[in-house]
C-alpha atoms as a PDB file:
ATOM      1  CA  UNK A   1     118.775  91.773  86.569  1.00  0.00           C
ATOM      2  CA  UNK A   2     117.291  88.313  85.481  1.00  0.00           C
ATOM      3  CA  UNK A   3     114.059  86.903  87.072  1.00  0.00           C
ATOM      4  CA  UNK A   4     114.861  84.306  89.544  1.00  0.00           C
ATOM      5  CA  UNK A   5     111.369  82.643  88.864  1.00  0.00           C
ATOM      6  CA  UNK A   6     111.369  82.249  85.099  1.00  0.00           C
ATOM      7  CA  UNK A   7     115.006  82.718  84.585  1.00  0.00           C
ATOM      8  CA  UNK A   8     114.481  84.509  81.157  1.00  0.00           C
ATOM      9  CA  UNK A   9     112.772  87.874  81.878  1.00  0.00           C
ATOM     10  CA  UNK A  10     114.260  91.061  82.908  1.00  0.00           C
ATOM     11  CA  UNK A  11     113.365  92.810  86.183  1.00  0.00           C
ATOM     12  CA  UNK A  12     112.573  96.514  85.956  1.00  0.00           C
ATOM     13  CA  UNK A  13     110.895  99.201  88.106  1.00  0.00           C
ATOM     14  CA  UNK A  14     107.033  99.128  87.797  1.00  0.00           C
ATOM     15  CA  UNK A  15     103.901  98.551  89.778  1.00  0.00           C
ATOM     16  CA  UNK A  16     101.957  95.591  90.913  1.00  0.00           C
ATOM     17  CA  UNK A  17      99.000  94.421  92.885  1.00  0.00           C
ATOM     18  CA  UNK A  18      99.804  92.639  96.157  1.00  0.00           C
ATOM     19  CA  UNK A  19      97.228  90.154  97.560  1.00  0.00           C
ATOM     20  CA  UNK A  20      97.638  88.953 101.215  1.00  0.00           C
ATOM     21  CA  UNK A  21      95.507  86.690 103.210  1.00  0.00           C
ATOM     22  CA  UNK A  22      95.414  85.950 106.958  1.00  0.00           C
ATOM     23  CA  UNK A  23      92.656  83.975 108.441  1.00  0.00           C
ATOM     24  CA  UNK A  24      89.312  85.364 107.308  1.00  0.00           C
ATOM     25  CA  UNK A  25      90.930  88.728 105.962  1.00  0.00           C
ATOM     26  CA  UNK A  26      92.024  89.319 102.346  1.00  0.00           C
ATOM     27  CA  UNK A  27      93.897  92.622 101.680  1.00  0.00           C
ATOM     28  CA  UNK A  28      94.478  93.733  98.128  1.00  0.00           C
ATOM     29  CA  UNK A  29      96.776  96.657  97.448  1.00  0.00           C
ATOM     30  CA  UNK A  30      96.974  98.034  94.116  1.00  0.00           C
ATOM     31  CA  UNK A  31      99.818 100.040  92.333  1.00  0.00           C
ATOM     32  CA  UNK A  32     102.552  99.078  94.578  1.00  0.00           C
ATOM     33  CA  UNK A  33     106.007 100.047  93.480  1.00  0.00           C
ATOM     34  CA  UNK A  34     108.092  97.081  92.846  1.00  0.00           C
ATOM     35  CA  UNK A  35     110.616  95.535  90.491  1.00  0.00           C
ATOM     36  CA  UNK A  36     108.496  93.475  87.931  1.00  0.00           C
ATOM     37  CA  UNK A  37     109.509  90.800  85.386  1.00  0.00           C
ATOM     38  CA  UNK A  38     108.867  91.724  81.942  1.00  0.00           C
ATOM     39  CA  UNK A  39     108.217  88.002  81.141  1.00  0.00           C
ATOM     40  CA  UNK A  40     106.210  86.319  83.851  1.00  0.00           C
ATOM     41  CA  UNK A  41     105.100  89.171  86.082  1.00  0.00           C
ATOM     42  CA  UNK A  42     106.800  88.106  89.087  1.00  0.00           C
ATOM     43  CA  UNK A  43     107.310  90.953  91.363  1.00  0.00           C
ATOM     44  CA  UNK A  44     109.910  91.778  94.101  1.00  0.00           C
ATOM     45  CA  UNK A  45     109.271  94.384  96.894  1.00  0.00           C
ATOM     46  CA  UNK A  46     112.017  96.241  98.684  1.00  0.00           C
ATOM     47  CA  UNK A  47     112.297  95.644 102.434  1.00  0.00           C
ATOM     48  CA  UNK A  48     110.932  99.210 103.046  1.00  0.00           C
ATOM     49  CA  UNK A  49     107.953  98.427 100.785  1.00  0.00           C
ATOM     50  CA  UNK A  50     107.319  95.068 102.156  1.00  0.00           C
ATOM     51  CA  UNK A  51     107.041  96.632 105.715  1.00  0.00           C
ATOM     52  CA  UNK A  52     104.664  99.264 104.599  1.00  0.00           C
ATOM     53  CA  UNK A  53     102.387  96.711 102.851  1.00  0.00           C
ATOM     54  CA  UNK A  54     102.462  94.383 105.886  1.00  0.00           C
ATOM     55  CA  UNK A  55     101.438  97.295 108.072  1.00  0.00           C
ATOM     56  CA  UNK A  56      98.460  98.060 105.897  1.00  0.00           C
ATOM     57  CA  UNK A  57      97.463  94.390 105.894  1.00  0.00           C
ATOM     58  CA  UNK A  58      97.900  94.192 109.782  1.00  0.00           C
ATOM     59  CA  UNK A  59      95.578  97.208 110.259  1.00  0.00           C
ATOM     60  CA  UNK A  60      92.915  95.534 108.163  1.00  0.00           C
ATOM     61  CA  UNK A  61      93.186  92.351 110.340  1.00  0.00           C
ATOM     62  CA  UNK A  62      93.039  94.484 113.361  1.00  0.00           C
ATOM     63  CA  UNK A  63      89.889  96.148 112.077  1.00  0.00           C
ATOM     64  CA  UNK A  64      88.298  92.662 111.551  1.00  0.00           C
ATOM     65  CA  UNK A  65      87.997  93.512 107.794  1.00  0.00           C
ATOM     66  CA  UNK A  66      86.959  90.468 105.587  1.00  0.00           C
ATOM     67  CA  UNK A  67      88.028  92.130 102.363  1.00  0.00           C
ATOM     68  CA  UNK A  68      89.958  95.357 102.112  1.00  0.00           C
ATOM     69  CA  UNK A  69      91.033  96.782  98.771  1.00  0.00           C
ATOM     70  CA  UNK A  70      93.503  99.761  98.743  1.00  0.00           C
ATOM     71  CA  UNK A  71      95.221 101.784  96.171  1.00  0.00           C
ATOM     72  CA  UNK A  72      98.938 102.613  97.062  1.00  0.00           C
ATOM     73  CA  UNK A  73      99.369 106.207  97.862  1.00  0.00           C
ATOM     74  CA  UNK A  74     102.998 107.568  98.050  1.00  0.00           C
END
């Protein structure tokens, strides 16, 4: 599949770092399985993976974390 951002790269399975911010909270999740463009690095998460990452971020917000850095664990 061609990347919808750069239009030239090919998207393939890989891992990425997702950074989310809400208010005063920043959540960094490393090694998240995703489809990643080999040209520009843009990533695409599946609906299931998006839900899981968002749940991690929501948990950090509820805890009142300012910065939380996590490594994806399958």
